[in-house]
Protein backbone atom coordinates (compact mmCIF):
# COMPACT_ATOMS: atom_id res chain seq x y z
CA MET A 1 0.35 -0.09 -0.12
CA HIS A 2 1.32 3.30 -0.91
CA LYS A 3 2.45 5.45 1.85
CA THR A 4 3.60 8.86 2.23
CA CYS A 5 5.14 9.89 6.02
CA GLN A 6 4.54 12.88 8.18
CA ARG A 7 8.37 13.78 8.55
CA GLY A 8 8.34 17.50 9.48
CA SER A 9 4.67 17.48 10.80
CA LEU A 10 3.67 18.09 14.45
CA VAL A 11 0.45 15.88 15.86
CA ARG A 12 -1.25 15.40 18.72
CA THR A 13 -4.35 14.12 19.90
CA LEU A 14 -7.91 16.53 19.96
CA GLY A 15 -10.78 13.81 21.46
CA LYS A 16 -10.43 10.78 19.10
CA TYR A 17 -9.13 13.01 16.56
CA LYS A 18 -5.66 12.88 15.15
CA VAL A 19 -4.85 16.60 14.28
CA ILE A 20 -2.39 18.14 11.91
CA MET A 21 -1.05 21.58 13.63
CA GLN A 22 0.92 21.88 10.04
CA PRO A 23 0.60 20.35 7.44
CA PRO A 24 3.41 18.13 6.48
CA THR A 25 5.84 19.14 3.63
CA ASP A 26 5.53 15.60 2.38
CA LEU A 27 2.23 15.66 1.83
CA LEU A 28 2.01 18.88 -0.52
CA SER A 29 4.64 17.65 -2.48
CA GLU A 30 3.17 14.66 -3.19
CA ALA A 31 -0.44 16.09 -4.18
CA PHE A 32 1.37 18.70 -6.66
CA SER A 33 3.21 15.50 -7.78
CA VAL A 34 -0.09 13.60 -8.14
CA LEU A 35 -1.41 16.60 -10.01
CA ASP A 36 1.81 16.78 -12.49
CA THR A 37 1.43 13.27 -13.29
CA ASN A 38 -1.98 13.47 -14.45
CA ALA A 39 -1.82 16.37 -16.08
CA ARG A 40 -3.22 16.38 -20.19
CA TRP A 41 -3.24 18.71 -22.65
CA GLY A 42 -5.65 21.74 -21.04
CA TYR A 43 -6.88 19.36 -18.11
CA THR A 44 -6.07 16.64 -15.81
CA GLN A 45 -7.22 13.11 -15.68
CA PRO A 46 -9.00 12.11 -12.24
CA ALA A 47 -6.25 9.34 -11.76
CA PRO A 48 -4.26 7.20 -14.41
CA ASP A 49 -6.01 4.36 -16.63
CA LEU A 50 -8.67 4.16 -14.86
CA TYR A 51 -10.26 7.50 -15.21
CA PRO A 52 -8.50 8.50 -18.70
CA HIS A 53 -11.25 11.37 -19.62
CA GLN A 54 -12.04 15.03 -18.27
CA TRP A 55 -14.67 14.76 -15.53
CA LEU A 56 -16.84 17.74 -14.75
CA TRP A 57 -16.53 18.20 -11.17
CA ASP A 58 -13.40 16.09 -10.68
CA SER A 59 -11.91 19.54 -12.66
CA CYS A 60 -13.63 21.88 -10.83
CA PHE A 61 -12.46 20.26 -7.70
CA ILE A 62 -8.71 20.33 -9.39
CA ALA A 63 -8.68 24.02 -9.95
CA ILE A 64 -9.08 25.04 -6.91
CA GLY A 65 -6.29 22.92 -5.89
CA LEU A 66 -3.96 24.31 -8.90
CA ARG A 67 -4.58 27.86 -8.13
CA HIS A 68 -2.35 27.74 -5.21
CA ARG A 69 0.69 27.17 -7.42
CA ASP A 70 -0.30 28.20 -10.91
CA VAL A 71 -3.26 30.08 -11.56
CA PHE A 72 -2.89 29.62 -15.23
CA LYS A 73 -3.46 26.11 -15.34
CA ALA A 74 -6.52 26.59 -12.62
CA LYS A 75 -8.01 28.78 -15.32
CA GLN A 76 -6.85 26.07 -17.75
CA GLU A 77 -8.81 23.38 -16.27
CA ILE A 78 -12.03 25.14 -16.10
CA LEU A 79 -11.65 26.70 -19.65
CA SER A 80 -11.14 22.89 -21.24
CA LEU A 81 -14.54 21.96 -19.43
CA LEU A 82 -16.25 24.73 -20.82
CA ARG A 83 -15.14 23.95 -24.43
CA GLY A 84 -17.76 20.84 -23.87
CA GLN A 85 -20.69 22.83 -23.27
CA TRP A 86 -23.91 21.95 -25.44
CA HIS A 87 -25.40 24.68 -27.14
CA ASN A 88 -28.43 24.40 -25.11
CA GLY A 89 -26.05 25.50 -21.99
CA MET A 90 -25.38 21.93 -20.81
CA LEU A 91 -22.43 20.85 -18.89
CA PRO A 92 -21.36 17.32 -19.81
CA ASN A 93 -19.88 14.78 -16.72
CA ILE A 94 -17.51 13.52 -19.12
CA ILE A 95 -15.41 14.97 -22.10
CA PHE A 96 -13.63 12.33 -23.56
CA SER A 97 -10.12 11.84 -24.99
CA ASP A 98 -9.27 11.69 -28.62
CA ASP A 99 -7.07 8.89 -28.01
CA THR A 100 -8.49 6.40 -30.48
CA LYS A 101 -8.31 3.25 -27.99
CA TYR A 102 -11.14 5.41 -25.90
CA ASN A 103 -13.64 5.01 -29.43
CA THR A 104 -15.94 2.57 -27.57
CA ASP A 105 -16.15 4.74 -24.52
CA ARG A 106 -17.30 7.60 -27.22
CA ASP A 107 -19.82 5.39 -29.41
CA LEU A 108 -21.62 4.17 -25.96
CA TRP A 109 -22.36 7.55 -25.59
CA ARG A 110 -23.23 9.05 -28.94
CA SER A 111 -23.94 12.83 -27.97
CA TRP A 112 -23.87 13.44 -31.96
CA VAL A 113 -27.34 12.12 -31.76
CA SER A 114 -28.49 15.34 -30.18
CA PRO A 115 -28.64 18.63 -32.25
CA TYR A 116 -27.73 20.09 -28.82
CA ALA A 117 -24.42 18.47 -28.43
CA PRO A 118 -21.05 20.48 -29.35
CA ASP A 119 -19.22 20.22 -32.67
CA ASN A 120 -16.14 18.40 -32.93
CA VAL A 121 -16.00 17.40 -29.28
CA ALA A 122 -17.35 13.50 -27.74
CA THR A 123 -19.23 13.85 -24.40
CA THR A 124 -21.81 12.53 -22.34
CA GLY A 125 -25.57 13.44 -22.51
CA ILE A 126 -25.95 13.94 -18.76
CA THR A 127 -24.46 16.80 -16.46
CA GLN A 128 -22.81 16.39 -12.82
CA PRO A 129 -22.91 18.74 -9.82
CA PRO A 130 -22.73 21.75 -10.38
CA VAL A 131 -19.79 23.35 -8.41
CA LEU A 132 -18.56 25.24 -11.41
CA ALA A 133 -19.16 28.86 -9.85
CA GLU A 134 -17.44 27.59 -6.98
CA ALA A 135 -14.33 27.18 -8.86
CA ILE A 136 -14.57 30.22 -11.15
CA THR A 137 -14.71 32.00 -7.59
CA ARG A 138 -11.71 30.28 -5.74
CA VAL A 139 -9.60 30.73 -9.00
CA GLY A 140 -10.30 34.78 -8.92
CA GLU A 141 -9.31 34.51 -5.31
CA LYS A 142 -5.75 34.31 -6.49
CA MET A 143 -5.48 37.26 -9.11
CA THR A 144 -6.24 41.15 -8.21
CA TRP A 145 -9.00 42.70 -9.44
CA SER A 146 -7.36 44.10 -12.57
CA ASP A 147 -6.96 40.21 -13.68
CA ARG A 148 -10.29 38.85 -11.91
CA ARG A 149 -12.45 40.85 -13.54
CA PRO A 150 -11.34 39.79 -17.59
CA TRP A 151 -11.56 36.19 -16.09
CA PHE A 152 -14.65 36.66 -14.62
CA GLU A 153 -15.93 37.94 -18.04
CA LEU A 154 -14.51 35.13 -20.24
CA VAL A 155 -16.76 32.63 -18.07
CA TYR A 156 -19.48 34.20 -16.89
CA PRO A 157 -21.73 33.94 -19.96
CA SER A 158 -21.28 30.07 -20.13
CA LEU A 159 -21.88 30.05 -16.21
CA LEU A 160 -24.83 31.81 -16.96
CA LYS A 161 -25.83 29.56 -19.17
CA TYR A 162 -25.30 26.39 -17.90
CA HIS A 163 -27.91 27.28 -15.00
CA GLN A 164 -30.40 28.73 -16.89
CA TRP A 165 -30.26 24.79 -18.55
CA LEU A 166 -30.24 23.31 -15.13
CA TYR A 167 -33.42 25.18 -14.68
CA HIS A 168 -35.15 25.48 -18.32
CA ASP A 169 -34.46 21.65 -18.79
CA ARG A 170 -34.52 19.62 -15.34
CA ASP A 171 -37.19 21.97 -13.13
CA PRO A 172 -40.19 21.71 -16.31
CA HIS A 173 -42.54 21.83 -13.44
CA ASP A 174 -41.28 24.88 -12.20
CA GLU A 175 -41.51 23.47 -8.71
CA GLY A 176 -37.91 24.84 -7.72
CA LEU A 177 -36.17 21.71 -7.46
CA VAL A 178 -33.59 20.40 -10.37
CA LEU A 179 -34.35 16.56 -11.30
CA GLN A 180 -31.94 14.14 -12.31
CA ILE A 181 -32.28 11.18 -14.60
CA HIS A 182 -29.19 8.57 -13.52
CA PRO A 183 -27.02 7.87 -10.66
CA TRP A 184 -24.09 9.49 -12.60
CA GLU A 185 -25.68 12.85 -12.43
CA ILE A 186 -24.90 13.19 -8.73
CA GLY A 187 -21.42 11.76 -8.81
CA MET A 188 -22.30 9.34 -6.03
CA ASP A 189 -22.97 6.43 -8.36
CA ASN A 190 -24.38 3.62 -6.12
CA THR A 191 -25.31 5.42 -3.35
CA PRO A 192 -27.97 4.04 -1.54
CA PRO A 193 -30.87 6.08 -1.90
CA TRP A 194 -30.90 5.63 -5.61
CA MET A 195 -29.58 2.18 -5.69
CA SER A 196 -32.62 1.43 -3.67
CA GLU A 197 -34.75 3.00 -6.28
CA LEU A 198 -33.09 1.54 -8.84
CA ASN A 199 -33.61 -2.17 -7.49
CA GLU A 200 -37.08 -1.88 -6.39
CA HIS A 201 -38.55 -0.16 -10.12
CA GLN A 202 -35.86 -0.14 -12.37
CA LEU A 203 -33.86 -2.90 -13.19
CA SER A 204 -34.84 -4.62 -16.81
CA TRP A 205 -35.81 -7.89 -17.17
CA TRP A 206 -32.64 -9.19 -18.71
CA ILE A 207 -30.62 -7.79 -15.60
CA ARG A 208 -33.10 -9.22 -12.96
CA LEU A 209 -32.22 -12.70 -15.43
CA VAL A 210 -28.18 -12.55 -14.69
CA LYS A 211 -28.67 -11.68 -11.06
CA GLU A 212 -30.74 -14.79 -11.02
CA THR A 213 -28.21 -16.78 -12.61
CA ARG A 214 -25.42 -15.60 -11.10
CA ALA A 215 -24.10 -14.60 -14.58
CA ASP A 216 -22.90 -11.35 -13.09
CA ASN A 217 -20.14 -13.37 -11.72
CA LEU A 218 -18.36 -14.23 -15.18
CA ILE A 219 -19.34 -10.84 -16.39
CA ASN A 220 -17.10 -9.00 -13.50
CA LEU A 221 -14.34 -10.46 -15.63
CA PHE A 222 -14.31 -7.90 -17.93
CA ARG A 223 -14.81 -5.16 -16.16
CA ARG A 224 -12.32 -2.50 -16.50
CA ASP A 225 -12.47 -1.29 -13.00
CA THR A 226 -11.60 -4.53 -11.59
CA ARG A 227 -9.09 -5.29 -13.29
CA THR A 228 -6.96 -2.92 -11.40
CA ILE A 229 -9.07 -2.13 -8.23
CA PRO A 230 -10.53 -4.79 -6.02
CA SER A 231 -14.35 -5.72 -6.64
CA LYS A 232 -15.11 -5.44 -3.18
CA GLU A 233 -13.88 -1.69 -3.43
CA ARG A 234 -16.41 -1.27 -6.81
CA PHE A 235 -20.40 -1.29 -7.35
CA ALA A 236 -21.47 -4.70 -7.84
CA THR A 237 -21.85 -5.73 -11.78
CA ILE A 238 -25.59 -5.77 -11.24
CA GLU A 239 -25.85 -1.82 -10.25
CA ALA A 240 -23.51 -1.18 -13.54
CA LEU A 241 -25.08 -3.46 -15.72
CA ALA A 242 -28.50 -1.29 -14.64
CA MET A 243 -26.62 2.00 -14.86
CA PHE A 244 -25.32 1.39 -18.44
CA ASP A 245 -29.01 -0.05 -18.93
CA ILE A 246 -30.10 3.54 -18.15
CA GLN A 247 -27.78 5.25 -20.25
CA ARG A 248 -28.77 2.86 -23.31
CA ARG A 249 -32.03 4.51 -22.77
CA LEU A 250 -31.31 7.88 -22.61
CA ARG A 251 -29.11 7.83 -25.64
CA ARG A 252 -32.26 6.04 -27.93
CA LYS A 253 -34.34 9.25 -26.51
CA ALA A 254 -31.53 11.54 -28.34
CA TYR A 255 -30.90 12.73 -24.38
CA ASP A 256 -34.33 14.93 -25.05
CA ILE A 257 -35.52 15.52 -21.63
CA ASP A 258 -39.32 15.40 -22.38
CA ARG A 259 -39.12 12.04 -24.07
CA ILE A 260 -37.44 10.72 -21.40
CA LEU A 261 -39.40 12.20 -18.75
CA ASP A 262 -42.60 11.20 -21.19
CA HIS A 263 -42.01 7.48 -20.11
CA SER A 264 -39.57 7.28 -17.32
CA MET A 265 -40.20 6.71 -13.57
CA PHE A 266 -36.74 7.20 -12.52
CA ALA A 267 -36.58 11.26 -11.91
CA ILE A 268 -35.19 12.22 -8.78
CA GLU A 269 -34.56 15.41 -7.14
CA ASP A 270 -31.54 14.91 -5.35
CA VAL A 271 -30.82 16.75 -1.80
CA ALA A 272 -26.78 16.56 -2.64
CA PHE A 273 -27.07 18.18 -6.05
CA ASN A 274 -29.66 20.72 -5.14
CA ALA A 275 -27.66 21.68 -2.08
CA ILE A 276 -24.82 22.30 -4.07
CA LEU A 277 -27.10 24.52 -6.73
CA ILE A 278 -27.63 26.78 -4.14
CA ARG A 279 -24.53 27.60 -2.69
CA ASN A 280 -23.57 27.77 -6.34
CA ASN A 281 -26.20 30.34 -7.51
CA GLU A 282 -25.25 32.86 -5.13
CA LEU A 283 -21.53 32.54 -6.03
CA LEU A 284 -22.82 32.78 -9.77
CA LEU A 285 -24.91 35.79 -8.29
CA GLU A 286 -21.85 37.46 -6.79
CA ILE A 287 -20.04 37.20 -10.26
CA ALA A 288 -22.42 38.83 -11.55
CA LYS A 289 -22.52 41.50 -8.61
CA SER A 290 -18.59 41.95 -9.53
CA LEU A 291 -19.72 42.69 -13.43
CA LYS A 292 -22.78 44.58 -12.90
CA GLU A 293 -24.15 42.25 -14.73
CA ASP A 294 -28.14 41.87 -14.36
CA VAL A 295 -29.48 38.27 -13.96
CA PRO A 296 -32.38 37.31 -15.65
CA ASN A 297 -35.63 37.92 -13.72
CA ASP A 298 -36.69 34.16 -14.73
CA LEU A 299 -33.49 33.09 -13.49
CA LEU A 300 -33.37 35.07 -10.41
CA GLU A 301 -37.21 33.76 -9.53
CA SER A 302 -36.26 30.05 -9.83
CA MET A 303 -33.16 30.46 -7.81
CA ALA A 304 -35.45 31.86 -5.11
CA LYS A 305 -37.78 29.38 -5.07
CA THR A 306 -35.16 26.43 -5.16
CA LYS A 307 -34.02 27.93 -1.38
CA GLN A 308 -37.67 27.84 -0.26
CA SER A 309 -38.76 24.47 -1.92
CA PHE A 310 -35.41 22.59 -0.61
CA THR A 311 -36.99 22.99 3.23
CA GLN A 312 -39.21 20.25 1.70
CA LEU A 313 -36.64 17.53 1.47
CA TRP A 314 -36.75 17.96 5.25
CA ASP A 315 -38.07 15.18 7.49
CA PRO A 316 -39.15 16.58 10.76
CA LEU A 317 -39.15 12.69 12.36
CA SER A 318 -35.60 11.79 11.81
CA ASN A 319 -34.57 15.37 11.71
CA GLN A 320 -32.09 14.82 8.00
CA PHE A 321 -32.94 15.77 4.78
CA TYR A 322 -33.45 13.20 1.90
CA SER A 323 -34.01 13.29 -2.16
CA ARG A 324 -37.26 13.14 -3.57
CA ASP A 325 -39.28 11.42 -6.10
CA PHE A 326 -39.87 13.70 -8.95
CA ILE A 327 -43.61 12.17 -9.84
CA THR A 328 -44.51 11.30 -6.48
CA HIS A 329 -42.78 13.85 -4.21
CA LYS A 330 -42.17 10.89 -1.80
CA LEU A 331 -39.24 11.75 0.41
CA LEU A 332 -36.63 8.85 0.00
CA LYS A 333 -35.52 7.91 3.41
CA THR A 334 -32.68 5.72 2.74
CA GLU A 335 -29.78 7.41 4.87
CA SER A 336 -26.78 8.70 3.10
CA VAL A 337 -23.50 11.40 3.83
CA SER A 338 -25.99 14.07 0.81
CA THR A 339 -27.68 14.97 4.35
CA LEU A 340 -25.47 16.23 5.39
CA LEU A 341 -24.24 18.35 2.24
CA ALA A 342 -27.41 20.57 3.56
CA LEU A 343 -24.63 22.57 5.20
CA TYR A 344 -23.10 23.53 2.11
CA ALA A 345 -26.27 24.94 0.72
CA GLY A 346 -26.27 27.52 3.23
CA CYS A 347 -30.10 28.04 3.26
CA ILE A 348 -30.88 26.01 6.14
CA SER A 349 -32.13 27.39 9.28
CA LYS A 350 -29.79 27.22 12.54
CA ASP A 351 -31.37 24.60 14.27
CA GLN A 352 -31.54 21.84 11.30
CA ALA A 353 -27.76 22.97 10.59
CA SER A 354 -27.28 21.66 14.75
CA GLN A 355 -29.25 18.58 14.02
CA LEU A 356 -26.84 17.46 11.09
CA VAL A 357 -23.65 18.44 13.25
CA HIS A 358 -25.23 16.06 15.93
CA LEU A 359 -25.11 13.40 13.60
CA ILE A 360 -21.44 14.12 12.52
CA ASN A 361 -20.71 13.67 16.20
CA ASP A 362 -22.51 10.69 16.55
CA GLN A 363 -20.47 7.86 16.82
CA HIS A 364 -23.26 5.59 15.03
CA ALA A 365 -23.72 7.48 12.61
CA TYR A 366 -20.72 9.93 10.42
CA GLY A 367 -18.73 9.71 13.81
CA SER A 368 -16.27 7.53 12.62
CA ASN A 369 -12.32 7.34 13.05
CA TYR A 370 -11.93 9.25 9.94
CA PRO A 371 -14.95 11.14 8.94
CA LEU A 372 -17.03 11.40 7.27
CA PRO A 373 -18.58 7.92 5.87
CA SER A 374 -20.38 8.35 2.64
CA VAL A 375 -23.52 6.03 4.56
CA PRO A 376 -23.94 6.01 8.46
CA LEU A 377 -21.72 3.26 10.57
CA ASN A 378 -25.33 1.93 11.53
CA SER A 379 -27.25 2.07 8.23
CA TYR A 380 -28.09 -1.61 6.60
CA TRP A 381 -26.10 -0.07 3.56
CA TYR A 382 -23.02 0.57 5.17
CA LYS A 383 -19.85 -1.36 3.33
CA PRO A 384 -16.52 0.26 4.60
CA THR A 385 -14.63 -0.56 1.53
CA ASN A 386 -17.46 -0.37 -1.25
CA TYR A 387 -17.47 3.07 -2.89
CA TRP A 388 -20.34 5.37 -2.40
CA GLN A 389 -21.84 3.19 -0.03
CA GLY A 390 -19.27 3.55 3.25
CA PRO A 391 -15.91 4.96 2.50
CA ALA A 392 -14.77 8.95 3.29
CA TRP A 393 -14.43 10.87 0.52
CA VAL A 394 -12.15 13.87 0.47
CA ASN A 395 -14.34 16.30 -1.73
CA ILE A 396 -17.47 15.71 0.18
CA ASN A 397 -15.43 16.66 3.22
CA TRP A 398 -14.47 20.19 1.82
CA LEU A 399 -17.88 20.79 0.84
CA ILE A 400 -19.31 20.18 4.54
CA ILE A 401 -16.18 21.97 6.22
CA ASP A 402 -17.15 25.00 3.92
CA GLY A 403 -20.38 24.94 5.28
CA LEU A 404 -19.58 23.91 8.64
CA LYS A 405 -17.46 27.06 8.36
CA ARG A 406 -20.21 29.45 6.93
CA TYR A 407 -22.66 28.16 9.71
CA GLY A 408 -20.15 29.13 12.26
CA PHE A 409 -19.35 25.71 13.82
CA ASN A 410 -15.60 26.51 13.20
CA GLU A 411 -14.56 23.69 16.11
CA GLU A 412 -16.21 20.89 14.00
CA ALA A 413 -14.63 22.44 10.78
CA ASP A 414 -11.15 22.32 11.82
CA LYS A 415 -12.00 18.68 13.33
CA LEU A 416 -12.81 17.44 10.11
CA ARG A 417 -10.16 19.58 8.11
CA SER A 418 -7.53 17.52 10.54
CA SER A 419 -8.99 14.44 10.37
CA THR A 420 -8.83 14.77 6.71
CA LEU A 421 -5.53 15.67 6.10
CA THR A 422 -3.96 13.00 8.16
CA MET A 423 -5.50 10.41 6.72
CA VAL A 424 -4.67 11.59 3.35
CA SER A 425 -1.23 12.51 5.09
CA SER A 426 -1.06 8.75 6.18
CA TYR A 427 -2.06 6.32 3.39
CA GLY A 428 -1.70 9.14 0.23
CA CYS A 429 -3.95 10.30 -2.17
CA PHE A 430 -6.30 7.73 -2.96
CA GLU A 431 -10.33 8.01 -4.75
CA TYR A 432 -11.73 7.19 -0.99
CA PHE A 433 -10.70 5.62 2.20
CA ASN A 434 -11.80 3.43 4.63
CA PRO A 435 -13.90 5.49 7.21
CA GLU A 436 -12.78 3.17 10.32
CA THR A 437 -8.94 3.05 9.21
CA GLY A 438 -8.32 5.54 7.08
CA GLU A 439 -6.66 3.10 4.47
CA GLY A 440 -6.71 4.34 0.97
CA LEU A 441 -9.13 2.75 -1.16
CA GLY A 442 -10.20 3.11 -5.08
CA ALA A 443 -7.64 4.33 -7.70
CA PRO A 444 -4.46 5.49 -6.33
CA TYR A 445 -3.17 9.43 -7.08
CA PHE A 446 -6.57 10.74 -7.30
CA SER A 447 -6.37 14.41 -8.76
CA TRP A 448 -9.22 15.70 -6.85
CA THR A 449 -7.95 13.95 -3.18
CA ALA A 450 -4.82 15.78 -4.07
CA ALA A 451 -5.82 19.32 -5.07
CA LEU A 452 -8.34 19.43 -2.26
CA ALA A 453 -5.77 18.38 0.28
CA ILE A 454 -3.89 21.06 -0.82
CA ASP A 455 -6.06 23.64 -0.51
CA LEU A 456 -7.21 22.21 2.76
CA ALA A 457 -3.41 22.58 4.10
CA LEU A 458 -3.24 26.10 2.63
CA ASN A 459 -6.16 27.50 3.15
CA ALA A 460 -7.23 26.83 7.07
């Protein structure tokens, strides 16, 4: 197992956490080395081999780390994302590499079936959590106003168009909350709330047959991810087949939301996605204000409605936020770390925020040795090594740390920051981590882990 040493660091114990008082030099040098190794022309791969393309929220997080050493490269990371923007404003979750060995990836999606797809760039037909305004703002913080203004002017039209698309395309009933049509859109691929709905309602007959005959064990031998990563650390083959089946159905409808919703019962208003949207709406408004740009009234009204509607995702019995079914408006009461991302939204009450902080500190919920687990420790779904069904993720911690600070929970934010840095410092820049032992899991040399560790170390 790859490790980094903690030479030069000062470590002490605070409660049950090991707190790094001073980030070790080795952590920063390794993190920057990971970003250098994964750099390609104009963008950074999430990880060698396993993730060869450019991903939306990955690049946003990567830019946040890159800004500490090279603002130009941070800007290029974002501009590279914008080359994949669709004509209707959608930003895809993946922009595919031009390398011919990835022709199969591009052909699976066939983004060109949509008239809105960009020219000469192959992408997916779905999006990912909208953290773009966060990345643009953070990169801008490293510039003087004379440099920041032209930066904002350059990217603001694309940012505005993306948020307009989110409401036009994904809030068809003008209710305030935007919907998602695939687990890949929320970035937490096999998170329990989505997998529960998938298994209960959406498995095609042929996938059920594979499951009943246990043919998934054979199919697993041909998966690209499990050639290098232990299968216990990845989502199940049945889940993978179901995700590709949904993707195939979306492609068949040319990624047209009207056609998709006409016959689809699998549309969810995800709590994490909407929480991230709310915060990034605010950052978009701040960028617009700095440029003295008028935001269209219909977008302002939609933004305000999202804040109001977000309160409908709160369940007073469990004191948590949940995603809900787009059609029935039924809350999907399967617990996951998404509830804590309501802190990042910044629009919930102080009392609700306090209830979420209680969950963070609860040793039966999210108070693991190395927080935050992606599902609570007492969940039926909890598996400490399985992708989004247990492991801790640095990007989720980073978002929640930011929310904790803005609500004034500085001690909790400092603890989470310190435990996150200890985890990365001890085991390296892995994709995710065992919340009980801190052991690195998934892909090694993972870019957003490196980038956000840099930001947490240098931006306390």
